[in-house]
């Protein structure tokens, strides 16, 4: 039996192809908002960092009503670093709307999420978005999508998938480019006709598979998932089990049940099979758990999440300025917060190290880890992080390292320098497409460690005009050493306040990171030197006062503008012997060993 008045879908796409904007349009046109209600753009991106960066980090649930049918919609992240979010929520849905940019066509992340959808046997609707762009090429993109289907080994039913053309921003969709439309109705109708209604076995013992965890200060942990079979009632006693942990068997009580309605959660007395719901009252609930009948407990299998590929060390801040700006500074506080993150982020790994004040944190990429750092910093934590390093595996006595597939869209004039730079970083050019819209597409296979520190260089080399995307490609034998960065660090020789006079002398050696009047300490990295060597300078030095005046010598000193780095740029810049000191108000680059003599001895012993 199928529950005909419910459809469960996920919207999947590459980053920036318009998923969250499409959800905005569906919400507006289904009457979720009042006519005069002020609604900000990308309403599903509720997190501050998501709003600031314009990217989706966490999967979100919403629901709209159309023709007496409830459509549960899951908005998913598009960035490869948050692929774990997509992998697990696909267990809740019966089909996906694959969104593809009408100019860019299918991109690396499109391929990744589509492959996962095929593995789960989900129905696919293809939505070619942004058809109102002047350079849009929808017909060519349709053939590119079909080529991708064939490349991924899709069966015939998928090759017959319906295609819808839309502009999420303008709020219209059509199933024929010749036919004009002013609403999203064609997309709504395509969803109702092509996405199967969920199976509904109401007589079987109930099962609820938890795919997402939320948290509320009032009710504690909230589990979100789909009722696979049976009926779950408010106040019912149940058993919490997990297919990956056969020993887990905890008796729980379902305090409250919520269904999704627009952006709200509405409390209900019971939930039937096929519905996506949220439940409260279970403190030990985790992603992958099954809430099931006490008499007949059966754990449901959960999707295996891809492993992390990048790791870094989080440690207690031990700089001279430690404890000045942060509220949470002890190893216990940092450790508890990192382990708490594991409860909601399935792609993350946290391990204790041999040192009580350091923790190894592994994630899917630099952006994944930098968002975690940014969240901790905003919550008042103060700590230090090391340079990210790739996680090397050993298989049959062979060293294996993660590889990335990198897709670059760039103007013709920059192709030479990109091939040369990536070649030096052990990149292998797989294909090069003819230019479309002035851009050529290059595809490389490169070790993940070859990309660390390259993004900034790429932006400089392409004058900000290039687009680079990467996806994890698997493990391959170690490719050998990759040359280190060419620039060196300018290091403060003493502690004090940076002076214009001291900085003026230092800026002749390279680019500065600090301004006059800023406090610095011995061992802090205050700039970068193009010569590739570390230089020690005194930026706190002031001019000795005399009563002799020479004409022109007292003209005010002019300092060049400093380079303000974002967190990702700082992670790419630092070397193995350097750290980033992160506080709620600032972050500073520093040497691991602050004292110059001790640093010299350590390097001598190493060599």
Protein backbone atom coordinates (compact mmCIF):
# COMPACT_ATOMS: atom_id res chain seq x y z
CA UNK A 1 0.00 0.00 0.00
CA UNK A 2 1.28 3.48 -0.87
CA UNK A 3 0.59 6.74 0.94
CA UNK A 4 -0.61 8.76 -2.06
CA UNK A 5 -0.87 12.15 -0.30
CA UNK A 6 2.88 12.30 0.57
CA UNK A 7 6.05 12.73 -1.53
CA UNK A 8 9.58 12.80 -0.09
CA UNK A 9 12.27 14.47 -2.22
CA UNK A 10 15.80 15.86 -1.84
CA UNK A 11 17.17 18.67 -3.98
CA UNK A 12 20.73 17.86 -5.01
CA UNK A 13 23.22 19.85 -7.08
CA UNK A 14 26.71 21.25 -7.33
CA UNK A 15 27.51 24.31 -5.19
CA UNK A 16 25.92 27.58 -6.45
CA UNK A 17 23.50 25.96 -8.89
CA UNK A 18 20.52 27.40 -6.99
CA UNK A 19 19.09 24.70 -4.68
CA UNK A 20 18.21 26.99 -1.77
CA UNK A 21 16.78 29.63 -4.13
CA UNK A 22 14.59 26.94 -5.73
CA UNK A 23 13.29 25.93 -2.29
CA UNK A 24 12.50 29.65 -1.68
CA UNK A 25 10.38 29.72 -4.86
CA UNK A 26 8.52 26.48 -3.95
CA UNK A 27 7.79 27.81 -0.44
CA UNK A 28 6.52 31.17 -1.74
CA UNK A 29 4.25 29.65 -4.37
CA UNK A 30 2.76 27.01 -2.10
CA UNK A 31 1.33 29.70 0.20
CA UNK A 32 3.67 29.12 3.16
CA UNK A 33 4.22 32.88 3.60
CA UNK A 34 1.60 35.58 4.05
CA UNK A 35 1.30 38.01 1.13
CA UNK A 36 2.78 40.90 3.11
CA UNK A 37 5.34 38.79 4.99
CA UNK A 38 8.95 39.97 4.72
CA UNK A 39 11.10 36.95 3.87
CA UNK A 40 14.83 37.16 3.34
CA UNK A 41 16.51 35.39 0.43
CA UNK A 42 17.73 31.79 0.89
CA UNK A 43 15.46 31.38 3.89
CA UNK A 44 16.63 27.78 4.44
CA UNK A 45 20.23 28.92 5.08
CA UNK A 46 19.51 29.63 8.74
CA UNK A 47 23.09 29.44 10.02
CA UNK A 48 25.09 32.74 10.19
CA UNK A 49 28.05 31.30 8.28
CA UNK A 50 25.70 29.98 5.56
CA UNK A 51 24.18 33.45 5.14
CA UNK A 52 27.59 35.17 5.04
CA UNK A 53 29.24 32.77 2.59
CA UNK A 54 26.19 32.05 0.47
CA UNK A 55 26.62 28.27 0.81
CA UNK A 56 24.53 25.53 2.42
CA UNK A 57 26.42 23.58 5.10
CA UNK A 58 23.67 21.58 6.85
CA UNK A 59 20.78 19.67 5.26
CA UNK A 60 17.41 21.20 6.18
CA UNK A 61 13.86 19.84 6.09
CA UNK A 62 10.76 21.69 4.99
CA UNK A 63 7.35 20.71 3.62
CA UNK A 64 4.83 22.29 1.24
CA UNK A 65 1.23 21.44 0.34
CA UNK A 66 0.26 21.15 -3.34
CA UNK A 67 -3.01 19.68 -4.66
CA UNK A 68 -3.77 18.05 -1.27
CA UNK A 69 -0.37 16.34 -1.30
CA UNK A 70 2.32 17.01 1.26
CA UNK A 71 5.75 17.33 -0.37
CA UNK A 72 8.60 16.90 2.15
CA UNK A 73 11.66 18.69 0.73
CA UNK A 74 15.25 18.34 1.92
CA UNK A 75 17.65 21.13 0.89
CA UNK A 76 21.17 19.66 0.73
CA UNK A 77 24.67 21.21 0.60
CA UNK A 78 26.40 21.43 -2.78
CA UNK A 79 30.02 21.59 -1.63
CA UNK A 80 32.05 18.35 -1.76
CA UNK A 81 33.31 18.91 1.82
CA UNK A 82 29.75 18.49 3.12
CA UNK A 83 28.95 15.40 1.03
CA UNK A 84 28.35 13.40 4.21
CA UNK A 85 25.26 15.55 4.86
CA UNK A 86 23.85 14.52 1.46
CA UNK A 87 24.74 10.82 1.75
CA UNK A 88 22.74 10.25 4.92
CA UNK A 89 19.60 12.29 4.13
CA UNK A 90 19.05 10.40 0.86
CA UNK A 91 17.85 7.48 3.03
CA UNK A 92 14.73 9.53 3.87
CA UNK A 93 13.52 10.19 0.31
CA UNK A 94 12.00 8.31 -2.63
CA UNK A 95 13.40 10.59 -5.33
CA UNK A 96 15.66 13.56 -6.07
CA UNK A 97 15.42 16.76 -8.08
CA UNK A 98 18.83 17.10 -9.74
CA UNK A 99 19.50 20.79 -10.31
CA UNK A 100 21.96 21.72 -13.08
CA UNK A 101 23.08 25.22 -14.07
CA UNK A 102 21.98 26.02 -17.65
CA UNK A 103 25.43 27.50 -18.39
CA UNK A 104 27.91 25.48 -16.32
CA UNK A 105 26.34 22.06 -16.93
CA UNK A 106 27.04 19.01 -14.72
CA UNK A 107 29.95 19.65 -12.31
CA UNK A 108 32.00 17.29 -10.07
CA UNK A 109 29.62 17.37 -7.10
CA UNK A 110 26.65 16.72 -9.43
CA UNK A 111 28.32 13.44 -10.34
CA UNK A 112 29.05 12.51 -6.70
CA UNK A 113 25.51 12.97 -5.36
CA UNK A 114 23.90 11.46 -8.46
CA UNK A 115 26.01 8.30 -8.05
CA UNK A 116 24.77 7.99 -4.44
CA UNK A 117 21.16 8.42 -5.63
CA UNK A 118 21.57 5.64 -8.22
CA UNK A 119 23.06 3.32 -5.57
CA UNK A 120 19.89 3.79 -3.47
CA UNK A 121 17.63 3.30 -6.53
CA UNK A 122 16.00 6.76 -6.24
CA UNK A 123 13.86 8.29 -9.00
CA UNK A 124 15.44 11.34 -10.66
CA UNK A 125 13.88 14.55 -12.04
CA UNK A 126 16.35 16.83 -13.84
CA UNK A 127 15.78 20.57 -13.43
CA UNK A 128 17.87 22.81 -15.70
CA UNK A 129 18.04 26.01 -13.63
CA UNK A 130 18.98 29.61 -14.55
CA UNK A 131 17.58 29.35 -18.11
CA UNK A 132 17.11 33.14 -17.96
CA UNK A 133 20.90 33.68 -17.95
CA UNK A 134 22.03 35.45 -21.16
CA UNK A 135 24.68 32.77 -21.83
CA UNK A 136 22.41 29.80 -20.93
CA UNK A 137 22.71 26.73 -23.20
CA UNK A 138 19.95 24.39 -21.92
CA UNK A 139 19.86 21.99 -24.95
CA UNK A 140 23.61 21.27 -24.71
CA UNK A 141 23.34 20.82 -20.94
CA UNK A 142 20.57 18.22 -21.42
CA UNK A 143 22.94 16.09 -23.58
CA UNK A 144 25.74 16.56 -21.00
CA UNK A 145 23.39 15.27 -18.25
CA UNK A 146 22.42 12.23 -20.35
CA UNK A 147 26.14 11.56 -21.02
CA UNK A 148 26.69 11.69 -17.26
CA UNK A 149 23.84 9.19 -16.70
CA UNK A 150 25.46 6.78 -19.17
CA UNK A 151 28.92 7.30 -17.62
CA UNK A 152 27.48 6.39 -14.18
CA UNK A 153 25.86 3.23 -15.58
CA UNK A 154 22.23 4.36 -15.17
CA UNK A 155 19.53 1.91 -16.27
CA UNK A 156 16.95 2.71 -18.98
CA UNK A 157 14.29 3.98 -16.58
CA UNK A 158 16.70 6.73 -15.42
CA UNK A 159 17.58 7.68 -19.02
CA UNK A 160 13.87 8.46 -19.49
CA UNK A 161 13.94 10.89 -16.54
CA UNK A 162 11.77 14.00 -17.07
CA UNK A 163 13.51 17.32 -17.75
CA UNK A 164 12.14 20.63 -16.41
CA UNK A 165 13.55 24.09 -17.26
CA UNK A 166 13.41 26.75 -14.56
CA UNK A 167 14.59 30.05 -13.19
CA UNK A 168 14.41 29.72 -9.41
CA UNK A 169 15.17 33.43 -9.02
CA UNK A 170 12.34 34.53 -11.35
CA UNK A 171 10.05 31.84 -9.88
CA UNK A 172 9.00 29.95 -13.02
CA UNK A 173 9.39 26.43 -14.45
CA UNK A 174 8.36 24.81 -17.75
CA UNK A 175 8.66 21.37 -19.28
CA UNK A 176 8.99 22.87 -22.77
CA UNK A 177 11.31 25.79 -23.58
CA UNK A 178 8.88 26.96 -26.29
CA UNK A 179 6.08 27.34 -23.73
CA UNK A 180 6.26 30.36 -21.44
CA UNK A 181 5.41 29.98 -17.76
CA UNK A 182 5.10 32.32 -14.78
CA UNK A 183 4.81 29.77 -11.95
CA UNK A 184 6.47 26.67 -10.50
CA UNK A 185 3.40 24.52 -11.25
CA UNK A 186 5.08 22.42 -14.01
CA UNK A 187 7.78 21.38 -11.48
CA UNK A 188 5.18 20.60 -8.78
CA UNK A 189 3.20 18.48 -11.29
CA UNK A 190 6.35 16.64 -12.46
CA UNK A 191 7.16 15.78 -8.80
CA UNK A 192 3.64 14.40 -8.19
CA UNK A 193 3.67 12.36 -11.42
CA UNK A 194 7.20 10.94 -11.25
CA UNK A 195 8.28 10.62 -7.60
CA UNK A 196 6.74 7.46 -6.12
CA UNK A 197 4.57 7.76 -3.02
CA UNK A 198 6.24 6.11 0.01
CA UNK A 199 5.43 2.48 0.87
CA UNK A 200 3.01 2.23 3.78
CA UNK A 201 2.83 -0.92 5.89
CA UNK A 202 0.78 0.23 8.88
CA UNK A 203 0.32 -3.21 10.44
CA UNK A 204 4.04 -4.01 10.78
CA UNK A 205 6.00 -3.11 13.99
CA UNK A 206 7.02 0.54 13.73
CA UNK A 207 10.54 1.57 12.66
CA UNK A 208 11.99 5.08 12.52
CA UNK A 209 15.50 5.52 11.04
CA UNK A 210 17.28 8.64 12.36
CA UNK A 211 19.16 10.52 9.59
CA UNK A 212 19.68 13.95 11.19
CA UNK A 213 20.14 15.29 14.72
CA UNK A 214 19.06 18.75 15.85
CA UNK A 215 19.34 20.34 19.28
CA UNK A 216 17.06 22.63 21.29
CA UNK A 217 17.83 24.23 24.66
CA UNK A 218 14.31 23.38 25.80
CA UNK A 219 13.87 19.73 24.79
CA UNK A 220 17.49 18.60 24.22
CA UNK A 221 18.36 16.34 21.30
CA UNK A 222 15.87 16.01 18.44
CA UNK A 223 16.03 13.06 16.06
CA UNK A 224 14.81 13.56 12.47
CA UNK A 225 14.04 10.65 10.17
CA UNK A 226 11.48 8.77 8.12
CA UNK A 227 8.97 6.31 9.60
CA UNK A 228 9.76 3.20 7.53
CA UNK A 229 6.77 1.11 8.69
CA UNK A 230 4.01 1.00 11.29
CA UNK A 231 2.57 3.86 13.37
CA UNK A 232 4.51 5.78 16.04
CA UNK A 233 2.43 7.39 18.82
CA UNK A 234 3.19 10.18 21.29
CA UNK A 235 4.17 8.84 24.75
CA UNK A 236 4.91 5.38 23.35
CA UNK A 237 7.75 3.32 24.80
CA UNK A 238 10.25 2.04 22.25
CA UNK A 239 13.71 0.56 21.87
CA UNK A 240 16.70 2.39 20.39
CA UNK A 241 18.99 0.04 18.41
CA UNK A 242 21.77 0.47 15.82
CA UNK A 243 22.76 -1.89 12.97
CA UNK A 244 26.46 -0.93 13.33
CA UNK A 245 26.46 -1.41 17.12
CA UNK A 246 24.70 -4.71 17.99
CA UNK A 247 25.20 -4.04 21.75
CA UNK A 248 23.17 -0.84 21.67
CA UNK A 249 19.69 -1.43 23.04
CA UNK A 250 18.20 1.42 25.09
CA UNK A 251 14.60 1.67 26.29
CA UNK A 252 13.21 5.14 25.43
CA UNK A 253 9.94 7.07 25.51
CA UNK A 254 8.73 9.24 22.62
CA UNK A 255 7.90 12.55 24.33
CA UNK A 256 6.81 14.60 21.32
CA UNK A 257 6.35 14.00 17.58
CA UNK A 258 6.61 16.86 15.08
CA UNK A 259 5.78 16.98 11.38
CA UNK A 260 7.20 19.62 9.03
CA UNK A 261 4.94 22.31 7.64
CA UNK A 262 6.67 25.12 5.73
CA UNK A 263 9.44 26.37 8.00
CA UNK A 264 7.60 25.27 11.14
CA UNK A 265 7.49 22.02 13.10
CA UNK A 266 3.93 21.14 14.06
CA UNK A 267 3.26 18.77 16.96
CA UNK A 268 1.17 15.69 16.17
CA UNK A 269 -0.19 12.76 18.21
CA UNK A 270 0.99 10.03 15.84
CA UNK A 271 3.08 9.51 12.70
CA UNK A 272 2.37 6.90 10.04
CA UNK A 273 4.78 5.11 7.70
CA UNK A 274 6.13 7.29 4.89
CA UNK A 275 6.21 10.54 6.89
CA UNK A 276 9.39 12.47 7.73
CA UNK A 277 9.17 13.51 11.38
CA UNK A 278 11.14 14.86 14.35
CA UNK A 279 11.02 13.16 17.79
CA UNK A 280 12.16 14.31 21.25
CA UNK A 281 12.82 12.68 24.62
CA UNK A 282 15.89 10.59 23.78
CA UNK A 283 19.13 12.05 25.11
CA UNK A 284 21.35 9.30 23.69
CA UNK A 285 19.89 9.36 20.18
CA UNK A 286 22.40 9.40 17.33
CA UNK A 287 22.49 9.44 13.54
CA UNK A 288 21.99 5.88 12.21
CA UNK A 289 19.88 4.73 15.21
CA UNK A 290 16.55 2.95 14.68
CA UNK A 291 13.63 3.64 17.05
CA UNK A 292 11.67 0.40 16.96
CA UNK A 293 9.01 -1.72 18.61
CA UNK A 294 9.98 -3.25 22.01
CA UNK A 295 8.37 -6.61 21.21
CA UNK A 296 9.97 -6.94 17.77
CA UNK A 297 13.20 -4.85 17.61
CA UNK A 298 14.79 -4.65 14.14
CA UNK A 299 17.69 -2.32 13.33
CA UNK A 300 17.68 -0.74 9.85
CA UNK A 301 20.89 -0.51 7.82
CA UNK A 302 22.37 2.96 7.49
CA UNK A 303 24.36 4.31 4.55
CA UNK A 304 28.15 4.03 4.95
CA UNK A 305 29.57 7.55 5.07
CA UNK A 306 32.78 8.25 3.07
CA UNK A 307 35.93 8.51 5.16
CA UNK A 308 37.69 11.83 5.96
CA UNK A 309 40.78 12.67 3.87
CA UNK A 310 42.32 15.63 5.73
CA UNK A 311 43.44 15.95 9.36
CA UNK A 312 44.79 18.69 11.63
CA UNK A 313 45.68 19.11 15.29
CA UNK A 314 43.60 21.31 17.61
CA UNK A 315 45.46 22.25 20.79
CA UNK A 316 45.26 24.56 23.80
CA UNK A 317 46.53 28.08 23.09
CA UNK A 318 49.97 28.54 24.73
CA UNK A 319 51.00 31.86 23.17
CA UNK A 320 51.98 34.87 25.35
CA UNK A 321 48.50 36.33 24.65
CA UNK A 322 46.63 33.15 25.71
CA UNK A 323 43.38 33.63 27.64
CA UNK A 324 42.97 37.32 26.83
CA UNK A 325 40.08 37.08 24.37
CA UNK A 326 38.49 33.63 24.73
CA UNK A 327 35.92 32.39 27.22
CA UNK A 328 36.63 28.63 26.81
CA UNK A 329 40.36 27.95 26.85
CA UNK A 330 41.03 24.67 28.71
CA UNK A 331 41.73 21.29 27.09
CA UNK A 332 38.65 19.79 28.78
CA UNK A 333 36.35 22.44 27.31
CA UNK A 334 37.85 22.10 23.83
CA UNK A 335 37.73 18.28 23.98
CA UNK A 336 34.08 18.20 25.12
CA UNK A 337 33.06 20.62 22.34
CA UNK A 338 34.87 18.63 19.62
CA UNK A 339 33.31 15.34 20.74
CA UNK A 340 29.90 17.04 20.86
CA UNK A 341 30.34 17.99 17.17
CA UNK A 342 30.59 14.27 16.31
CA UNK A 343 26.95 13.84 17.34
CA UNK A 344 25.70 15.93 14.41
CA UNK A 345 28.55 15.69 11.86
CA UNK A 346 28.95 12.13 10.60
CA UNK A 347 31.90 12.99 8.31
CA UNK A 348 34.09 14.23 11.17
CA UNK A 349 36.56 12.17 13.27
CA UNK A 350 38.09 13.29 16.59
CA UNK A 351 40.88 11.36 18.36
CA UNK A 352 42.87 12.00 21.53
CA UNK A 353 46.64 12.21 21.01
CA UNK A 354 49.57 11.29 23.29
CA UNK A 355 49.45 14.89 24.58
CA UNK A 356 46.56 15.80 26.89
CA UNK A 357 46.21 19.29 25.37
CA UNK A 358 46.04 18.22 21.67
CA UNK A 359 43.36 16.48 19.58
CA UNK A 360 43.51 15.11 16.04
CA UNK A 361 40.48 16.25 14.02
CA UNK A 362 39.85 14.79 10.54
CA UNK A 363 37.34 15.99 7.95
CA UNK A 364 36.46 15.94 4.26
CA UNK A 365 38.45 19.03 3.24
CA UNK A 366 39.76 22.46 4.19
CA UNK A 367 36.33 24.11 4.03
CA UNK A 368 34.80 21.42 6.26
CA UNK A 369 37.48 22.01 8.93
CA UNK A 370 37.52 25.80 8.57
CA UNK A 371 33.73 25.98 9.16
CA UNK A 372 34.21 23.96 12.37
CA UNK A 373 37.01 26.35 13.47
CA UNK A 374 34.80 29.38 12.67
CA UNK A 375 31.87 27.92 14.67
CA UNK A 376 34.07 27.27 17.72
CA UNK A 377 35.57 30.73 17.50
CA UNK A 378 32.11 32.38 17.44
CA UNK A 379 31.08 30.36 20.48
CA UNK A 380 33.95 31.89 22.51
CA UNK A 381 36.63 29.19 22.20
CA UNK A 382 40.33 29.99 22.04
CA UNK A 383 42.77 27.39 20.66
CA UNK A 384 45.52 26.68 18.13
CA UNK A 385 45.43 24.65 14.91
CA UNK A 386 48.21 23.09 12.85
CA UNK A 387 48.65 22.90 9.07
CA UNK A 388 46.15 20.45 7.49
CA UNK A 389 47.72 17.21 6.30
CA UNK A 390 46.28 14.41 4.17
CA UNK A 391 45.56 11.05 5.77
CA UNK A 392 47.89 8.44 4.27
CA UNK A 393 46.77 4.78 4.36
CA UNK A 394 48.87 1.64 4.17
CA UNK A 395 47.43 -1.16 2.00
CA UNK A 396 49.44 -4.41 1.57
CA UNK A 397 52.59 -2.61 2.73
CA UNK A 398 52.10 0.17 0.13
CA UNK A 399 51.66 3.85 0.98
CA UNK A 400 48.32 5.07 -0.43
CA UNK A 401 47.15 8.69 -0.55
CA UNK A 402 43.81 10.38 -1.36
CA UNK A 403 43.42 11.68 -4.92
CA UNK A 404 41.18 14.51 -6.08
CA UNK A 405 39.52 15.07 -9.45
CA UNK A 406 39.85 18.80 -10.15
CA UNK A 407 37.71 20.62 -12.73
CA UNK A 408 38.92 24.07 -13.75
CA UNK A 409 37.01 26.56 -15.95
CA UNK A 410 39.37 29.27 -17.09
CA UNK A 411 40.18 31.70 -19.94
CA UNK A 412 42.57 30.52 -22.70
CA UNK A 413 45.36 32.89 -21.63
CA UNK A 414 45.79 31.22 -18.22
CA UNK A 415 45.87 27.57 -19.34
CA UNK A 416 49.69 27.38 -19.65
CA UNK A 417 50.47 28.54 -16.12
CA UNK A 418 47.79 26.25 -14.59
CA UNK A 419 49.10 23.14 -16.38
CA UNK A 420 52.66 24.03 -15.31
CA UNK A 421 51.74 24.70 -11.65
CA UNK A 422 49.58 21.59 -11.23
CA UNK A 423 52.15 19.47 -13.07
CA UNK A 424 54.71 20.50 -10.45
CA UNK A 425 52.24 19.39 -7.77
CA UNK A 426 51.98 15.89 -9.37
CA UNK A 427 48.74 16.74 -11.21
CA UNK A 428 47.89 14.77 -14.36
CA UNK A 429 45.81 16.44 -17.09
CA UNK A 430 42.98 14.05 -18.06
CA UNK A 431 41.02 16.17 -20.54
CA UNK A 432 40.72 19.64 -22.00
CA UNK A 433 37.48 20.80 -23.61
CA UNK A 434 37.03 23.39 -26.30
CA UNK A 435 36.09 26.85 -24.99
CA UNK A 436 32.38 27.60 -24.41
CA UNK A 437 31.44 31.14 -23.47
CA UNK A 438 35.13 32.13 -23.45
CA UNK A 439 36.12 29.44 -20.91
CA UNK A 440 37.99 26.16 -21.41
CA UNK A 441 37.43 23.23 -19.03
CA UNK A 442 40.49 21.34 -17.76
CA UNK A 443 40.18 18.14 -15.72
CA UNK A 444 43.13 16.96 -13.58
CA UNK A 445 43.76 14.05 -11.24
CA UNK A 446 46.01 15.26 -8.42
CA UNK A 447 47.04 14.12 -4.91
CA UNK A 448 44.90 15.91 -2.27
CA UNK A 449 48.08 17.29 -0.64
CA UNK A 450 48.98 18.94 -3.97
CA UNK A 451 45.92 21.20 -3.60
CA UNK A 452 46.80 22.42 -0.10
CA UNK A 453 48.01 25.98 -0.55
CA UNK A 454 47.11 26.15 -4.25
CA UNK A 455 43.73 27.92 -4.21
CA UNK A 456 45.21 31.32 -3.41
CA UNK A 457 47.88 30.89 -6.09
CA UNK A 458 45.14 29.89 -8.55
CA UNK A 459 43.16 33.09 -7.86
CA UNK A 460 46.30 35.20 -8.41
CA UNK A 461 47.31 33.33 -11.59
CA UNK A 462 43.82 33.69 -13.14
CA UNK A 463 43.31 37.27 -11.85
CA UNK A 464 40.22 36.02 -10.00
CA UNK A 465 38.52 34.83 -13.21
CA UNK A 466 38.97 31.06 -12.83
CA UNK A 467 36.56 28.55 -11.24
CA UNK A 468 38.03 25.49 -9.52
CA UNK A 469 36.07 22.53 -8.12
CA UNK A 470 37.35 19.26 -6.73
CA UNK A 471 35.93 15.92 -5.58
CA UNK A 472 37.46 12.93 -3.80
CA UNK A 473 38.47 10.27 -6.34
CA UNK A 474 39.77 7.43 -4.12
CA UNK A 475 43.18 6.25 -2.88
CA UNK A 476 46.18 5.61 -5.14
CA UNK A 477 49.86 4.75 -4.51
CA UNK A 478 51.91 7.65 -3.04
CA UNK A 479 53.10 9.98 -5.82
CA UNK A 480 56.35 11.20 -4.22
CA UNK A 481 57.45 14.51 -2.72
CA UNK A 482 55.81 17.80 -3.75
CA UNK A 483 57.92 21.02 -3.61
CA UNK A 484 57.17 23.33 -0.65
CA UNK A 485 55.84 26.88 -0.98
CA UNK A 486 58.27 29.42 -2.40
CA UNK A 487 57.63 32.20 0.11
CA UNK A 488 59.11 32.34 3.60
CA UNK A 489 57.80 33.94 6.81
CA UNK A 490 58.74 37.28 8.35
CA UNK A 491 58.88 36.62 12.11
CA UNK A 492 58.74 39.10 14.96
CA UNK A 493 61.98 39.09 16.96
CA UNK A 494 60.46 40.56 20.13
CA UNK A 495 57.22 41.21 22.03
CA UNK A 496 55.55 44.61 22.12
CA UNK A 497 53.51 47.01 19.97
CA UNK A 498 54.26 47.17 16.24
CA UNK A 499 55.53 50.64 15.32
CA UNK A 500 55.39 52.47 12.00
CA UNK A 501 59.19 52.77 12.07
CA UNK A 502 59.71 49.03 12.66
CA UNK A 503 57.10 48.01 10.08
CA UNK A 504 58.59 50.40 7.51
CA UNK A 505 61.92 48.53 7.78
CA UNK A 506 60.15 45.14 7.63
CA UNK A 507 57.95 45.94 4.60
CA UNK A 508 61.06 46.20 2.40
CA UNK A 509 61.51 42.44 2.95
CA UNK A 510 58.02 41.37 1.83
CA UNK A 511 54.26 41.68 2.49
CA UNK A 512 53.05 42.48 6.03
CA UNK A 513 50.12 40.95 7.94
CA UNK A 514 50.03 43.40 10.91
CA UNK A 515 49.35 47.13 11.24
CA UNK A 516 51.03 49.80 13.37
CA UNK A 517 49.66 49.79 16.93
CA UNK A 518 48.92 46.04 16.90
CA UNK A 519 50.41 43.96 19.70
CA UNK A 520 52.82 41.24 18.55
CA UNK A 521 54.94 38.64 20.36
CA UNK A 522 58.25 36.90 19.76
CA UNK A 523 57.81 34.12 17.20
CA UNK A 524 54.62 35.58 15.64
CA UNK A 525 54.53 35.52 11.82
CA UNK A 526 54.01 39.16 10.81
CA UNK A 527 54.48 38.85 7.03
CA UNK A 528 55.60 36.76 4.08
CA UNK A 529 58.95 37.01 2.31
CA UNK A 530 59.19 36.21 -1.43
CA UNK A 531 62.74 34.86 -1.03
CA UNK A 532 61.62 31.54 0.47
CA UNK A 533 63.62 32.03 3.69
CA UNK A 534 62.35 32.82 7.18
CA UNK A 535 63.50 36.28 8.31
CA UNK A 536 63.48 37.68 11.83
CA UNK A 537 62.78 41.39 12.22
CA UNK A 538 62.00 43.79 15.04
CA UNK A 539 58.67 45.41 14.17
CA UNK A 540 58.43 47.05 17.59
CA UNK A 541 61.61 49.12 17.12
CA UNK A 542 61.14 52.89 17.41
CA UNK A 543 63.30 55.70 16.05
CA UNK A 544 65.80 57.09 18.53
CA UNK A 545 65.01 60.71 19.36
CA UNK A 546 67.78 63.32 18.87
CA UNK A 547 67.67 67.11 18.85
CA UNK A 548 69.23 67.25 15.37
CA UNK A 549 66.78 67.82 12.51
CA UNK A 550 67.69 67.14 8.86
CA UNK A 551 65.53 68.48 6.04
CA UNK A 552 63.21 65.81 4.57
CA UNK A 553 64.19 63.00 6.99
CA UNK A 554 61.23 63.61 9.24
CA UNK A 555 58.63 63.22 6.49
CA UNK A 556 55.99 60.78 7.67
CA UNK A 557 56.72 57.15 6.83
CA UNK A 558 54.30 55.48 4.44
CA UNK A 559 53.26 51.86 5.00
CA UNK A 560 51.92 49.65 2.22
CA UNK A 561 48.45 48.10 2.75
CA UNK A 562 48.65 44.87 4.76
CA UNK A 563 47.42 41.49 3.52
CA UNK A 564 44.33 40.47 5.51
CA UNK A 565 43.97 36.71 5.21
CA UNK A 566 40.77 34.70 5.60
CA UNK A 567 40.93 31.55 7.72
CA UNK A 568 41.17 29.30 4.61
CA UNK A 569 44.02 31.43 3.22
CA UNK A 570 45.86 31.21 6.55
CA UNK A 571 45.45 27.39 6.60
CA UNK A 572 46.92 27.27 3.10
CA UNK A 573 49.78 29.65 3.96
CA UNK A 574 51.24 28.07 7.11
CA UNK A 575 54.00 25.45 7.01
CA UNK A 576 54.56 22.34 9.15
CA UNK A 577 56.43 24.29 11.85
CA UNK A 578 53.73 26.97 12.13
CA UNK A 579 50.34 27.26 13.88
CA UNK A 580 47.28 29.51 13.76
CA UNK A 581 46.18 30.98 17.07
CA UNK A 582 42.38 31.28 16.89
CA UNK A 583 40.42 33.51 19.30
CA UNK A 584 36.88 34.99 19.15
CA UNK A 585 38.30 38.37 18.10
CA UNK A 586 41.26 37.51 15.87
CA UNK A 587 43.60 34.89 14.56
CA UNK A 588 47.39 35.13 14.46
CA UNK A 589 50.01 33.11 12.61
CA UNK A 590 52.95 31.94 14.71
CA UNK A 591 55.89 29.53 14.82
CA UNK A 592 55.35 26.34 16.89
CA UNK A 593 58.58 27.17 18.74
CA UNK A 594 58.49 30.88 19.58
CA UNK A 595 62.09 31.42 20.74
CA UNK A 596 64.57 31.99 17.87
CA UNK A 597 67.47 30.09 19.56
CA UNK A 598 65.29 27.08 20.39
CA UNK A 599 63.98 27.08 16.81
CA UNK A 600 67.52 27.12 15.45
CA UNK A 601 68.52 24.18 17.70
CA UNK A 602 65.41 22.18 16.73
CA UNK A 603 66.13 22.68 13.00
CA UNK A 604 69.79 21.74 13.51
CA UNK A 605 68.80 18.49 15.29
CA UNK A 606 66.27 17.70 12.55
CA UNK A 607 68.86 18.11 9.81
